[in-house]
Amino acid sequence: MPDETAQQPPQIGINLDIHRPHSARMYDYYLGGVTNFPADREAAGRALDAFPNIRIAAHANRGFMHRSIRAIAALGVDQFLDVGTGIPTSPNLHEIAQRVNPAVRAVYADNDPIVLTHAEALLNSTPEGRTTYVQGDVRDPGTILDAAAETLDLSRPVALSMNALLHFIADRPGHGAADIVAAFTARLAPGSYLAISHFTPDFEPEATARLVEVYRNSGTEAQARTRDEIAALFHGWRVLEPGIVSTPRWRPDADIVTVTDQQASCYAAVARLDRSAPTRPV
């Protein structure tokens, strides 16, 4: 259990609204981190009451990130864009990818200012590679992609990681999760990869509904999606084996999966962009 007095407000010139819970800091709490504040811990406590397996789900999602990034890097991709980075937790995405290829370049993007205060943990690249951090919101893909293009060559394949992110986007006409993915897709080259993990009501519908309500009451958009709704996010992409499965079942490191679908309550998949997607305004 994290020490609730361990993290103090940073003494820097960044405006941190630490009196309102933030999903990135709540996720840090679930993982056992200390970069969270009383408001985050109070909201996380309500989330645990609503969905007691949320710590297990967070760790299962983290495991999917590790395996998916390792798999994509092994396919020869050397550029990564991680949107919704969250609080740095080693090994971070670039550390995993650079173990496969030291020349990997990675760009991180998040909208929580506190992530910026810890960005030095995201910038410890190998000499052969490079990492950068962008302060940006997934709802503004163009700004993120323009900044990422200073480090990444968008004319070449990029791996786009959107882990545990899109369930914090509520669908509105023209501004839903599928629209956001399409906007990123329009700027990516064929041969790019997309990794998504996403909370679902398919396994624990009542607990999922309670958890969504906790986040909404805390001031955070939230929308759990069914498998079919998550599949629609991959429009224009070819989903790789084993398809859209619960996070612990995506290419597990061992044959025995100890986390159940109900505990994870999160789907995950990796897909390849085999053809140019229809262009949409970014």
C-alpha atoms as a PDB file:
ATOM      1  CA  MET A   1       0.000   0.000   0.000  1.00  0.00           C
ATOM      2  CA  PRO A   2       1.444   3.413  -0.980  1.00  0.00           C
ATOM      3  CA  ASP A   3       2.492   5.786   1.776  1.00  0.00           C
ATOM      4  CA  GLU A   4      -0.196   8.465   1.676  1.00  0.00           C
ATOM      5  CA  THR A   5       2.280  11.095   2.868  1.00  0.00           C
ATOM      6  CA  ALA A   6       5.023  10.186   0.415  1.00  0.00           C
ATOM      7  CA  GLN A   7       4.091  12.507  -2.430  1.00  0.00           C
ATOM      8  CA  GLN A   8       4.054  16.247  -1.790  1.00  0.00           C
ATOM      9  CA  PRO A   9       3.004  18.930  -4.302  1.00  0.00           C
ATOM     10  CA  PRO A  10       5.981  19.673  -6.565  1.00  0.00           C
ATOM     11  CA  GLN A  11       7.593  23.067  -5.982  1.00  0.00           C
ATOM     12  CA  ILE A  12       7.747  24.089  -9.625  1.00  0.00           C
ATOM     13  CA  GLY A  13       6.099  26.641 -11.850  1.00  0.00           C
ATOM     14  CA  ILE A  14       3.405  24.309 -13.226  1.00  0.00           C
ATOM     15  CA  ASN A  15      -0.249  24.656 -12.321  1.00  0.00           C
ATOM     16  CA  LEU A  16      -1.258  21.314 -10.822  1.00  0.00           C
ATOM     17  CA  ASP A  17      -4.880  20.959  -9.767  1.00  0.00           C
ATOM     18  CA  ILE A  18      -4.129  18.423  -7.047  1.00  0.00           C
ATOM     19  CA  HIS A  19      -7.494  18.956  -5.384  1.00  0.00           C
ATOM     20  CA  ARG A  20      -9.313  17.183  -8.210  1.00  0.00           C
ATOM     21  CA  PRO A  21      -8.691  13.494  -8.957  1.00  0.00           C
ATOM     22  CA  HIS A  22      -6.974  12.621 -12.218  1.00  0.00           C
ATOM     23  CA  SER A  23      -7.195   9.238 -13.936  1.00  0.00           C
ATOM     24  CA  ALA A  24      -3.400   9.019 -14.432  1.00  0.00           C
ATOM     25  CA  ARG A  25      -2.724   9.540 -10.731  1.00  0.00           C
ATOM     26  CA  MET A  26      -5.502   7.115  -9.753  1.00  0.00           C
ATOM     27  CA  TYR A  27      -3.920   4.515 -12.039  1.00  0.00           C
ATOM     28  CA  ASP A  28      -0.575   5.175 -10.376  1.00  0.00           C
ATOM     29  CA  TYR A  29      -2.239   4.444  -7.027  1.00  0.00           C
ATOM     30  CA  TYR A  30      -3.670   1.146  -8.294  1.00  0.00           C
ATOM     31  CA  LEU A  31      -0.167   0.120  -9.387  1.00  0.00           C
ATOM     32  CA  GLY A  32       1.270   0.924  -5.950  1.00  0.00           C
ATOM     33  CA  GLY A  33       2.910   4.206  -6.896  1.00  0.00           C
ATOM     34  CA  VAL A  34       3.275   7.317  -4.749  1.00  0.00           C
ATOM     35  CA  THR A  35       2.687  10.039  -7.336  1.00  0.00           C
ATOM     36  CA  ASN A  36      -0.872  10.702  -6.197  1.00  0.00           C
ATOM     37  CA  PHE A  37      -2.626  13.053  -3.799  1.00  0.00           C
ATOM     38  CA  PRO A  38      -5.517  12.849  -1.298  1.00  0.00           C
ATOM     39  CA  ALA A  39      -8.153  13.636  -3.939  1.00  0.00           C
ATOM     40  CA  ASP A  40      -6.785  10.870  -6.163  1.00  0.00           C
ATOM     41  CA  ARG A  41      -6.667   8.368  -3.307  1.00  0.00           C
ATOM     42  CA  GLU A  42     -10.180   9.203  -2.166  1.00  0.00           C
ATOM     43  CA  ALA A  43     -11.544   8.692  -5.678  1.00  0.00           C
ATOM     44  CA  ALA A  44      -9.461   5.519  -6.064  1.00  0.00           C
ATOM     45  CA  GLY A  45     -10.949   4.213  -2.816  1.00  0.00           C
ATOM     46  CA  ARG A  46     -14.440   4.700  -4.218  1.00  0.00           C
ATOM     47  CA  ALA A  47     -13.329   2.961  -7.403  1.00  0.00           C
ATOM     48  CA  LEU A  48     -12.037   0.000  -5.388  1.00  0.00           C
ATOM     49  CA  ASP A  49     -15.368  -0.225  -3.576  1.00  0.00           C
ATOM     50  CA  ALA A  50     -17.189  -0.258  -6.909  1.00  0.00           C
ATOM     51  CA  PHE A  51     -14.791  -2.626  -8.693  1.00  0.00           C
ATOM     52  CA  PRO A  52     -12.645  -4.522  -6.162  1.00  0.00           C
ATOM     53  CA  ASN A  53     -10.472  -6.118  -8.863  1.00  0.00           C
ATOM     54  CA  ILE A  54      -9.247  -2.803 -10.227  1.00  0.00           C
ATOM     55  CA  ARG A  55      -5.678  -3.284  -8.925  1.00  0.00           C
ATOM     56  CA  ILE A  56      -5.513  -6.671 -10.649  1.00  0.00           C
ATOM     57  CA  ALA A  57      -6.939  -5.131 -13.812  1.00  0.00           C
ATOM     58  CA  ALA A  58      -4.329  -2.347 -13.761  1.00  0.00           C
ATOM     59  CA  HIS A  59      -1.454  -4.807 -13.424  1.00  0.00           C
ATOM     60  CA  ALA A  60      -2.912  -7.021 -16.170  1.00  0.00           C
ATOM     61  CA  ASN A  61      -3.098  -3.993 -18.438  1.00  0.00           C
ATOM     62  CA  ARG A  62       0.509  -3.124 -17.614  1.00  0.00           C
ATOM     63  CA  GLY A  63       1.515  -6.657 -18.562  1.00  0.00           C
ATOM     64  CA  PHE A  64      -0.245  -6.311 -21.922  1.00  0.00           C
ATOM     65  CA  MET A  65       1.678  -3.097 -22.587  1.00  0.00           C
ATOM     66  CA  HIS A  66       4.976  -4.830 -21.945  1.00  0.00           C
ATOM     67  CA  ARG A  67       4.188  -7.799 -24.197  1.00  0.00           C
ATOM     68  CA  SER A  68       2.636  -5.789 -27.029  1.00  0.00           C
ATOM     69  CA  ILE A  69       5.485  -3.285 -27.244  1.00  0.00           C
ATOM     70  CA  ARG A  70       8.051  -6.083 -27.171  1.00  0.00           C
ATOM     71  CA  ALA A  71       6.180  -7.895 -29.952  1.00  0.00           C
ATOM     72  CA  ILE A  72       5.875  -4.788 -32.133  1.00  0.00           C
ATOM     73  CA  ALA A  73       9.550  -3.907 -31.716  1.00  0.00           C
ATOM     74  CA  ALA A  74      10.457  -7.470 -32.672  1.00  0.00           C
ATOM     75  CA  LEU A  75       8.584  -6.914 -35.950  1.00  0.00           C
ATOM     76  CA  GLY A  76      11.094  -4.194 -36.830  1.00  0.00           C
ATOM     77  CA  VAL A  77       9.205  -1.052 -35.870  1.00  0.00           C
ATOM     78  CA  ASP A  78      11.620   1.544 -34.477  1.00  0.00           C
ATOM     79  CA  GLN A  79       9.234   4.475 -33.841  1.00  0.00           C
ATOM     80  CA  PHE A  80       6.658   4.618 -31.037  1.00  0.00           C
ATOM     81  CA  LEU A  81       4.029   7.173 -30.036  1.00  0.00           C
ATOM     82  CA  ASP A  82       2.524   6.578 -26.593  1.00  0.00           C
ATOM     83  CA  VAL A  83      -0.616   8.669 -25.997  1.00  0.00           C
ATOM     84  CA  GLY A  84      -1.955   8.767 -22.462  1.00  0.00           C
ATOM     85  CA  THR A  85       1.430   7.948 -20.966  1.00  0.00           C
ATOM     86  CA  GLY A  86       0.505   8.326 -17.317  1.00  0.00           C
ATOM     87  CA  ILE A  87       2.939   8.462 -14.409  1.00  0.00           C
ATOM     88  CA  PRO A  88       6.271   6.874 -15.418  1.00  0.00           C
ATOM     89  CA  THR A  89       6.652   3.322 -14.101  1.00  0.00           C
ATOM     90  CA  SER A  90       9.794   1.413 -15.045  1.00  0.00           C
ATOM     91  CA  PRO A  91      10.155  -0.348 -17.343  1.00  0.00           C
ATOM     92  CA  ASN A  92       8.587   2.361 -19.473  1.00  0.00           C
ATOM     93  CA  LEU A  93       7.610   1.810 -23.095  1.00  0.00           C
ATOM     94  CA  HIS A  94      10.900   2.987 -24.581  1.00  0.00           C
ATOM     95  CA  GLU A  95      12.914   0.848 -22.180  1.00  0.00           C
ATOM     96  CA  ILE A  96      11.080  -2.254 -23.382  1.00  0.00           C
ATOM     97  CA  ALA A  97      11.385  -1.354 -27.065  1.00  0.00           C
ATOM     98  CA  GLN A  98      15.047  -0.340 -26.804  1.00  0.00           C
ATOM     99  CA  ARG A  99      15.901  -3.700 -25.282  1.00  0.00           C
ATOM    100  CA  VAL A 100      14.884  -5.127 -28.666  1.00  0.00           C
ATOM    101  CA  ASN A 101      16.357  -2.311 -30.753  1.00  0.00           C
ATOM    102  CA  PRO A 102      18.528   0.328 -29.048  1.00  0.00           C
ATOM    103  CA  ALA A 103      17.847   2.770 -31.919  1.00  0.00           C
ATOM    104  CA  VAL A 104      14.125   3.053 -31.133  1.00  0.00           C
ATOM    105  CA  ARG A 105      12.676   6.560 -30.966  1.00  0.00           C
ATOM    106  CA  ALA A 106       9.686   7.160 -28.689  1.00  0.00           C
ATOM    107  CA  VAL A 107       7.394  10.120 -28.085  1.00  0.00           C
ATOM    108  CA  TYR A 108       5.220  10.272 -24.980  1.00  0.00           C
ATOM    109  CA  ALA A 109       2.081  12.432 -24.690  1.00  0.00           C
ATOM    110  CA  ASP A 110      -0.214  13.120 -21.742  1.00  0.00           C
ATOM    111  CA  ASN A 111      -2.515  15.914 -20.562  1.00  0.00           C
ATOM    112  CA  ASP A 112      -1.693  15.693 -16.831  1.00  0.00           C
ATOM    113  CA  PRO A 113       0.894  18.373 -15.944  1.00  0.00           C
ATOM    114  CA  ILE A 114       2.283  16.173 -13.182  1.00  0.00           C
ATOM    115  CA  VAL A 115       3.543  13.714 -15.808  1.00  0.00           C
ATOM    116  CA  LEU A 116       5.730  16.525 -17.122  1.00  0.00           C
ATOM    117  CA  THR A 117       7.289  16.928 -13.688  1.00  0.00           C
ATOM    118  CA  HIS A 118       8.452  13.304 -13.906  1.00  0.00           C
ATOM    119  CA  ALA A 119       9.392  13.395 -17.581  1.00  0.00           C
ATOM    120  CA  GLU A 120      13.082  12.877 -16.839  1.00  0.00           C
ATOM    121  CA  ALA A 121      12.211   9.210 -16.261  1.00  0.00           C
ATOM    122  CA  LEU A 122      10.914   9.114 -19.838  1.00  0.00           C
ATOM    123  CA  LEU A 123      13.978  10.743 -21.360  1.00  0.00           C
ATOM    124  CA  ASN A 124      16.700   8.266 -20.345  1.00  0.00           C
ATOM    125  CA  SER A 125      17.097   6.950 -23.862  1.00  0.00           C
ATOM    126  CA  THR A 126      19.896   4.792 -25.139  1.00  0.00           C
ATOM    127  CA  PRO A 127      22.600   6.752 -27.008  1.00  0.00           C
ATOM    128  CA  GLU A 128      21.394   5.212 -30.276  1.00  0.00           C
ATOM    129  CA  GLY A 129      17.740   6.139 -29.743  1.00  0.00           C
ATOM    130  CA  ARG A 130      15.771   9.154 -28.609  1.00  0.00           C
ATOM    131  CA  THR A 131      12.779   9.930 -26.399  1.00  0.00           C
ATOM    132  CA  THR A 132      10.737  13.108 -26.023  1.00  0.00           C
ATOM    133  CA  TYR A 133       7.666  14.206 -24.090  1.00  0.00           C
ATOM    134  CA  VAL A 134       4.694  16.210 -25.405  1.00  0.00           C
ATOM    135  CA  GLN A 135       2.104  17.925 -23.230  1.00  0.00           C
ATOM    136  CA  GLY A 136      -1.078  17.198 -25.169  1.00  0.00           C
ATOM    137  CA  ASP A 137      -4.619  15.879 -25.054  1.00  0.00           C
ATOM    138  CA  VAL A 138      -5.771  12.898 -27.100  1.00  0.00           C
ATOM    139  CA  ARG A 139      -8.808  14.968 -28.118  1.00  0.00           C
ATOM    140  CA  ASP A 140      -6.412  17.141 -30.143  1.00  0.00           C
ATOM    141  CA  PRO A 141      -4.607  14.594 -32.332  1.00  0.00           C
ATOM    142  CA  GLY A 142      -3.199  17.211 -34.680  1.00  0.00           C
ATOM    143  CA  THR A 143      -1.235  18.987 -31.975  1.00  0.00           C
ATOM    144  CA  ILE A 144       0.220  15.730 -30.679  1.00  0.00           C
ATOM    145  CA  LEU A 145       1.141  14.495 -34.146  1.00  0.00           C
ATOM    146  CA  ASP A 146       2.710  17.808 -35.178  1.00  0.00           C
ATOM    147  CA  ALA A 147       4.894  17.731 -32.054  1.00  0.00           C
ATOM    148  CA  ALA A 148       5.694  14.041 -32.522  1.00  0.00           C
ATOM    149  CA  ALA A 149       6.820  14.722 -36.093  1.00  0.00           C
ATOM    150  CA  GLU A 150       9.788  16.642 -34.705  1.00  0.00           C
ATOM    151  CA  THR A 151      11.144  13.328 -33.418  1.00  0.00           C
ATOM    152  CA  LEU A 152       9.400  10.694 -35.533  1.00  0.00           C
ATOM    153  CA  ASP A 153       9.274  10.320 -39.309  1.00  0.00           C
ATOM    154  CA  LEU A 154       5.541   9.963 -39.947  1.00  0.00           C
ATOM    155  CA  SER A 155       6.197   8.852 -43.522  1.00  0.00           C
ATOM    156  CA  ARG A 156       7.533   5.615 -42.025  1.00  0.00           C
ATOM    157  CA  PRO A 157       5.690   3.084 -39.810  1.00  0.00           C
ATOM    158  CA  VAL A 158       4.933   4.188 -36.250  1.00  0.00           C
ATOM    159  CA  ALA A 159       3.544   2.114 -33.403  1.00  0.00           C
ATOM    160  CA  LEU A 160       0.701   4.013 -31.733  1.00  0.00           C
ATOM    161  CA  SER A 161       0.026   2.917 -28.162  1.00  0.00           C
ATOM    162  CA  MET A 162      -3.339   3.872 -26.609  1.00  0.00           C
ATOM    163  CA  ASN A 163      -3.429   1.716 -23.518  1.00  0.00           C
ATOM    164  CA  ALA A 164      -6.194   2.190 -20.930  1.00  0.00           C
ATOM    165  CA  LEU A 165      -6.977   5.534 -22.562  1.00  0.00           C
ATOM    166  CA  LEU A 166     -10.019   5.519 -24.829  1.00  0.00           C
ATOM    167  CA  HIS A 167     -12.441   4.467 -22.101  1.00  0.00           C
ATOM    168  CA  PHE A 168     -11.926   8.014 -20.804  1.00  0.00           C
ATOM    169  CA  ILE A 169     -13.463   9.395 -24.015  1.00  0.00           C
ATOM    170  CA  ALA A 170     -17.253   9.574 -24.058  1.00  0.00           C
ATOM    171  CA  ASP A 171     -18.820   9.305 -27.498  1.00  0.00           C
ATOM    172  CA  ARG A 172     -20.279  12.504 -28.915  1.00  0.00           C
ATOM    173  CA  PRO A 173     -21.191  13.180 -32.562  1.00  0.00           C
ATOM    174  CA  GLY A 174     -17.927  13.703 -34.433  1.00  0.00           C
ATOM    175  CA  HIS A 175     -15.821  13.590 -31.275  1.00  0.00           C
ATOM    176  CA  GLY A 176     -15.930  10.003 -30.075  1.00  0.00           C
ATOM    177  CA  ALA A 177     -13.185   7.456 -29.551  1.00  0.00           C
ATOM    178  CA  ALA A 178     -13.510   6.120 -33.100  1.00  0.00           C
ATOM    179  CA  ASP A 179     -13.137   9.649 -34.509  1.00  0.00           C
ATOM    180  CA  ILE A 180      -9.973  10.162 -32.481  1.00  0.00           C
ATOM    181  CA  VAL A 181      -8.434   6.897 -33.676  1.00  0.00           C
ATOM    182  CA  ALA A 182      -9.367   7.764 -37.263  1.00  0.00           C
ATOM    183  CA  ALA A 183      -7.668  11.152 -36.944  1.00  0.00           C
ATOM    184  CA  PHE A 184      -4.434   9.522 -35.819  1.00  0.00           C
ATOM    185  CA  THR A 185      -4.779   6.832 -38.493  1.00  0.00           C
ATOM    186  CA  ALA A 186      -5.037   9.428 -41.241  1.00  0.00           C
ATOM    187  CA  ARG A 187      -1.535  10.690 -40.453  1.00  0.00           C
ATOM    188  CA  LEU A 188       0.181   7.296 -40.076  1.00  0.00           C
ATOM    189  CA  ALA A 189       2.003   5.391 -42.799  1.00  0.00           C
ATOM    190  CA  PRO A 190       1.023   1.895 -43.967  1.00  0.00           C
ATOM    191  CA  GLY A 191       2.891  -0.675 -41.908  1.00  0.00           C
ATOM    192  CA  SER A 192       2.156   1.207 -38.688  1.00  0.00           C
ATOM    193  CA  TYR A 193       0.796  -0.618 -35.648  1.00  0.00           C
ATOM    194  CA  LEU A 194      -1.939   0.238 -33.149  1.00  0.00           C
ATOM    195  CA  ALA A 195      -2.128  -1.190 -29.613  1.00  0.00           C
ATOM    196  CA  ILE A 196      -5.308  -0.566 -27.616  1.00  0.00           C
ATOM    197  CA  SER A 197      -6.541  -1.809 -24.266  1.00  0.00           C
ATOM    198  CA  HIS A 198     -10.014  -0.793 -23.172  1.00  0.00           C
ATOM    199  CA  PHE A 199     -12.332  -1.352 -20.197  1.00  0.00           C
ATOM    200  CA  THR A 200     -15.434  -3.429 -20.998  1.00  0.00           C
ATOM    201  CA  PRO A 201     -18.780  -4.288 -19.369  1.00  0.00           C
ATOM    202  CA  ASP A 202     -18.858  -7.716 -21.028  1.00  0.00           C
ATOM    203  CA  PHE A 203     -17.572  -9.680 -18.032  1.00  0.00           C
ATOM    204  CA  GLU A 204     -18.761  -7.745 -14.952  1.00  0.00           C
ATOM    205  CA  PRO A 205     -21.593  -5.475 -16.126  1.00  0.00           C
ATOM    206  CA  GLU A 206     -22.837  -4.315 -12.709  1.00  0.00           C
ATOM    207  CA  ALA A 207     -19.389  -3.609 -11.250  1.00  0.00           C
ATOM    208  CA  THR A 208     -18.355  -1.916 -14.491  1.00  0.00           C
ATOM    209  CA  ALA A 209     -21.387   0.383 -14.371  1.00  0.00           C
ATOM    210  CA  ARG A 210     -20.560   1.322 -10.777  1.00  0.00           C
ATOM    211  CA  LEU A 211     -16.952   2.104 -11.678  1.00  0.00           C
ATOM    212  CA  VAL A 212     -17.948   4.265 -14.642  1.00  0.00           C
ATOM    213  CA  GLU A 213     -20.245   6.210 -12.323  1.00  0.00           C
ATOM    214  CA  VAL A 214     -17.403   6.754  -9.835  1.00  0.00           C
ATOM    215  CA  TYR A 215     -15.206   8.280 -12.528  1.00  0.00           C
ATOM    216  CA  ARG A 216     -17.985  10.471 -13.879  1.00  0.00           C
ATOM    217  CA  ASN A 217     -18.818  11.707 -10.390  1.00  0.00           C
ATOM    218  CA  SER A 218     -15.132  12.528  -9.933  1.00  0.00           C
ATOM    219  CA  GLY A 219     -15.166  14.757 -13.007  1.00  0.00           C
ATOM    220  CA  THR A 220     -13.627  12.304 -15.488  1.00  0.00           C
ATOM    221  CA  GLU A 221     -15.348  11.160 -18.659  1.00  0.00           C
ATOM    222  CA  ALA A 222     -15.727   7.396 -18.776  1.00  0.00           C
ATOM    223  CA  GLN A 223     -17.376   4.925 -21.118  1.00  0.00           C
ATOM    224  CA  ALA A 224     -16.944   1.175 -21.009  1.00  0.00           C
ATOM    225  CA  ARG A 225     -17.378  -0.462 -24.414  1.00  0.00           C
ATOM    226  CA  THR A 226     -18.390  -3.910 -25.596  1.00  0.00           C
ATOM    227  CA  ARG A 227     -16.149  -6.103 -27.714  1.00  0.00           C
ATOM    228  CA  ASP A 228     -18.020  -5.064 -30.881  1.00  0.00           C
ATOM    229  CA  GLU A 229     -17.630  -1.382 -29.991  1.00  0.00           C
ATOM    230  CA  ILE A 230     -13.907  -1.860 -29.375  1.00  0.00           C
ATOM    231  CA  ALA A 231     -13.564  -3.769 -32.652  1.00  0.00           C
ATOM    232  CA  ALA A 232     -14.997  -0.711 -34.425  1.00  0.00           C
ATOM    233  CA  LEU A 233     -12.030   1.336 -33.166  1.00  0.00           C
ATOM    234  CA  PHE A 234      -9.795  -0.779 -35.418  1.00  0.00           C
ATOM    235  CA  HIS A 235     -11.625   0.190 -38.625  1.00  0.00           C
ATOM    236  CA  GLY A 236      -9.079   0.139 -41.457  1.00  0.00           C
ATOM    237  CA  TRP A 237      -6.586  -1.915 -39.434  1.00  0.00           C
ATOM    238  CA  ARG A 238      -5.821  -5.658 -39.600  1.00  0.00           C
ATOM    239  CA  VAL A 239      -5.996  -7.122 -36.094  1.00  0.00           C
ATOM    240  CA  LEU A 240      -3.177  -9.570 -35.342  1.00  0.00           C
ATOM    241  CA  GLU A 241      -3.522 -12.915 -33.604  1.00  0.00           C
ATOM    242  CA  PRO A 242      -4.935 -13.727 -31.095  1.00  0.00           C
ATOM    243  CA  GLY A 243      -7.462 -11.024 -31.956  1.00  0.00           C
ATOM    244  CA  ILE A 244      -9.392  -8.925 -29.467  1.00  0.00           C
ATOM    245  CA  VAL A 245      -9.063 -10.764 -26.158  1.00  0.00           C
ATOM    246  CA  SER A 246      -8.885  -9.905 -22.469  1.00  0.00           C
ATOM    247  CA  THR A 247      -5.576  -8.315 -21.483  1.00  0.00           C
ATOM    248  CA  PRO A 248      -4.070 -11.374 -19.735  1.00  0.00           C
ATOM    249  CA  ARG A 249      -4.878 -13.556 -22.769  1.00  0.00           C
ATOM    250  CA  TRP A 250      -2.984 -11.471 -25.298  1.00  0.00           C
ATOM    251  CA  ARG A 251       0.098 -13.605 -25.983  1.00  0.00           C
ATOM    252  CA  PRO A 252       0.811 -14.419 -22.325  1.00  0.00           C
ATOM    253  CA  ASP A 253       4.396 -15.101 -21.351  1.00  0.00           C
ATOM    254  CA  ALA A 254       3.337 -18.424 -19.807  1.00  0.00           C
ATOM    255  CA  ASP A 255       0.736 -20.973 -20.849  1.00  0.00           C
ATOM    256  CA  ILE A 256      -1.128 -20.555 -17.568  1.00  0.00           C
ATOM    257  CA  VAL A 257      -3.204 -17.368 -17.262  1.00  0.00           C
ATOM    258  CA  THR A 258      -3.791 -16.584 -13.583  1.00  0.00           C
ATOM    259  CA  VAL A 259      -5.935 -13.460 -14.068  1.00  0.00           C
ATOM    260  CA  THR A 260      -9.506 -14.149 -15.119  1.00  0.00           C
ATOM    261  CA  ASP A 261     -11.457 -12.266 -17.763  1.00  0.00           C
ATOM    262  CA  GLN A 262     -13.755 -10.992 -15.017  1.00  0.00           C
ATOM    263  CA  GLN A 263     -10.849  -9.625 -12.976  1.00  0.00           C
ATOM    264  CA  ALA A 264      -9.276  -7.906 -15.973  1.00  0.00           C
ATOM    265  CA  SER A 265     -12.544  -6.667 -17.534  1.00  0.00           C
ATOM    266  CA  CYS A 266     -10.453  -5.153 -20.272  1.00  0.00           C
ATOM    267  CA  TYR A 267     -10.004  -6.084 -23.924  1.00  0.00           C
ATOM    268  CA  ALA A 268      -6.738  -5.649 -25.803  1.00  0.00           C
ATOM    269  CA  ALA A 269      -5.506  -6.011 -29.345  1.00  0.00           C
ATOM    270  CA  VAL A 270      -2.688  -5.053 -31.690  1.00  0.00           C
ATOM    271  CA  ALA A 271      -3.354  -4.240 -35.335  1.00  0.00           C
ATOM    272  CA  ARG A 272      -1.387  -3.373 -38.476  1.00  0.00           C
ATOM    273  CA  LEU A 273      -2.217  -0.663 -40.977  1.00  0.00           C
ATOM    274  CA  ASP A 274      -1.901  -2.492 -44.278  1.00  0.00           C
ATOM    275  CA  ARG A 275      -3.350   0.200 -46.498  1.00  0.00           C
ATOM    276  CA  SER A 276      -3.853   3.938 -46.420  1.00  0.00           C
ATOM    277  CA  ALA A 277      -6.859   4.912 -44.341  1.00  0.00           C
ATOM    278  CA  PRO A 278      -9.405   7.413 -45.708  1.00  0.00           C
ATOM    279  CA  THR A 279      -8.153  10.879 -44.885  1.00  0.00           C
ATOM    280  CA  ARG A 280     -10.122  12.814 -42.285  1.00  0.00           C
ATOM    281  CA  PRO A 281      -9.412  16.318 -41.024  1.00  0.00           C
ATOM    282  CA  VAL A 282      -7.166  16.297 -37.927  1.00  0.00           C
END
